[in-house]
Amino acid sequence: MMEWIPIVFFSFKGIVLVIGMFYAIKWHYDQGQKKQVTDKRTLLRISVAVALAFAALLTGLLLLTAQLSKTLGLDLTLP
């Protein structure tokens, strides 16, 4: 059972990264097609919102990973 866990997790990670990169490229392409100029205030507000969302998702992922490791009985203490 344990030998399948890395295969499943790495496969899932690869699929998520491929899907994310597809939508990132598509979004940038669509933004280039619009040819709209946003002012600096709007750009700063959007950048802060994206950074906060990223930090929140990263924190949630960290907590989920810690809980999963405890559930699986993994010892993650530093030596």
Protein backbone atom coordinates (compact mmCIF):
# COMPACT_ATOMS: atom_id res chain seq x y z
CA MET A 1 0.00 0.00 0.00
CA MET A 2 2.68 2.52 0.94
CA GLU A 3 4.54 2.12 -2.36
CA TRP A 4 1.51 3.48 -4.26
CA ILE A 5 1.19 6.69 -2.24
CA PRO A 6 4.07 8.58 -3.96
CA ILE A 7 2.83 7.47 -7.38
CA VAL A 8 -0.69 8.73 -6.68
CA PHE A 9 0.45 12.00 -5.06
CA PHE A 10 2.99 12.83 -7.77
CA SER A 11 0.49 11.99 -10.50
CA PHE A 12 -2.10 14.24 -8.87
CA LYS A 13 0.46 17.03 -8.47
CA GLY A 14 1.47 16.73 -12.13
CA ILE A 15 -2.14 16.83 -13.31
CA VAL A 16 -2.90 19.88 -11.16
CA LEU A 17 0.21 21.71 -12.40
CA VAL A 18 -0.58 20.96 -16.05
CA ILE A 19 -4.16 22.18 -15.67
CA GLY A 20 -2.98 25.28 -13.79
CA MET A 21 -0.41 26.13 -16.45
CA PHE A 22 -2.99 25.69 -19.20
CA TYR A 23 -5.36 28.15 -17.57
CA ALA A 24 -2.52 30.57 -16.74
CA ILE A 25 -1.40 30.65 -20.37
CA LYS A 26 -5.00 30.95 -21.56
CA TRP A 27 -5.67 33.82 -19.15
CA HIS A 28 -2.56 35.72 -20.24
CA TYR A 29 -3.43 35.18 -23.89
CA ASP A 30 -6.97 36.44 -23.32
CA GLN A 31 -5.67 39.48 -21.45
CA GLY A 32 -3.39 40.28 -24.37
CA GLN A 33 -6.35 40.10 -26.73
CA LYS A 34 -8.34 42.63 -24.73
CA LYS A 35 -5.67 45.34 -25.12
CA GLN A 36 -7.11 47.28 -22.21
CA VAL A 37 -4.92 49.47 -20.08
CA THR A 38 -5.64 49.33 -16.36
CA ASP A 39 -4.56 52.09 -14.07
CA LYS A 40 -1.91 51.51 -11.41
CA ARG A 41 -4.36 51.64 -8.51
CA THR A 42 -6.49 48.83 -9.95
CA LEU A 43 -3.40 46.79 -10.78
CA LEU A 44 -2.08 47.20 -7.22
CA ARG A 45 -5.44 46.21 -5.72
CA ILE A 46 -5.64 43.10 -7.88
CA SER A 47 -2.03 42.17 -7.07
CA VAL A 48 -2.66 42.43 -3.33
CA ALA A 49 -5.83 40.35 -3.64
CA VAL A 50 -3.98 37.64 -5.56
CA ALA A 51 -1.12 37.64 -3.04
CA LEU A 52 -3.55 37.33 -0.12
CA ALA A 53 -5.44 34.52 -1.83
CA PHE A 54 -2.17 32.71 -2.50
CA ALA A 55 -1.08 33.09 1.14
CA ALA A 56 -4.44 31.83 2.39
CA LEU A 57 -4.36 28.81 0.08
CA LEU A 58 -0.76 28.05 1.03
CA THR A 59 -1.63 28.19 4.73
CA GLY A 60 -4.61 25.91 4.18
CA LEU A 61 -2.47 23.45 2.25
CA LEU A 62 0.13 23.45 5.03
CA LEU A 63 -2.50 22.74 7.67
CA LEU A 64 -4.12 20.03 5.54
CA THR A 65 -0.74 18.38 4.97
CA ALA A 66 0.08 18.46 8.69
CA GLN A 67 -3.29 16.92 9.55
CA LEU A 68 -2.91 14.24 6.90
CA SER A 69 0.56 13.36 8.14
CA LYS A 70 -0.75 13.01 11.68
CA THR A 71 -3.62 10.86 10.45
CA LEU A 72 -1.22 8.59 8.59
CA GLY A 73 1.02 8.40 11.65
CA LEU A 74 4.05 10.04 10.07
CA ASP A 75 6.68 11.47 12.41
CA LEU A 76 7.72 14.88 11.06
CA THR A 77 9.67 16.14 14.07
CA LEU A 78 13.07 17.62 13.42
CA PRO A 79 16.07 15.69 14.76
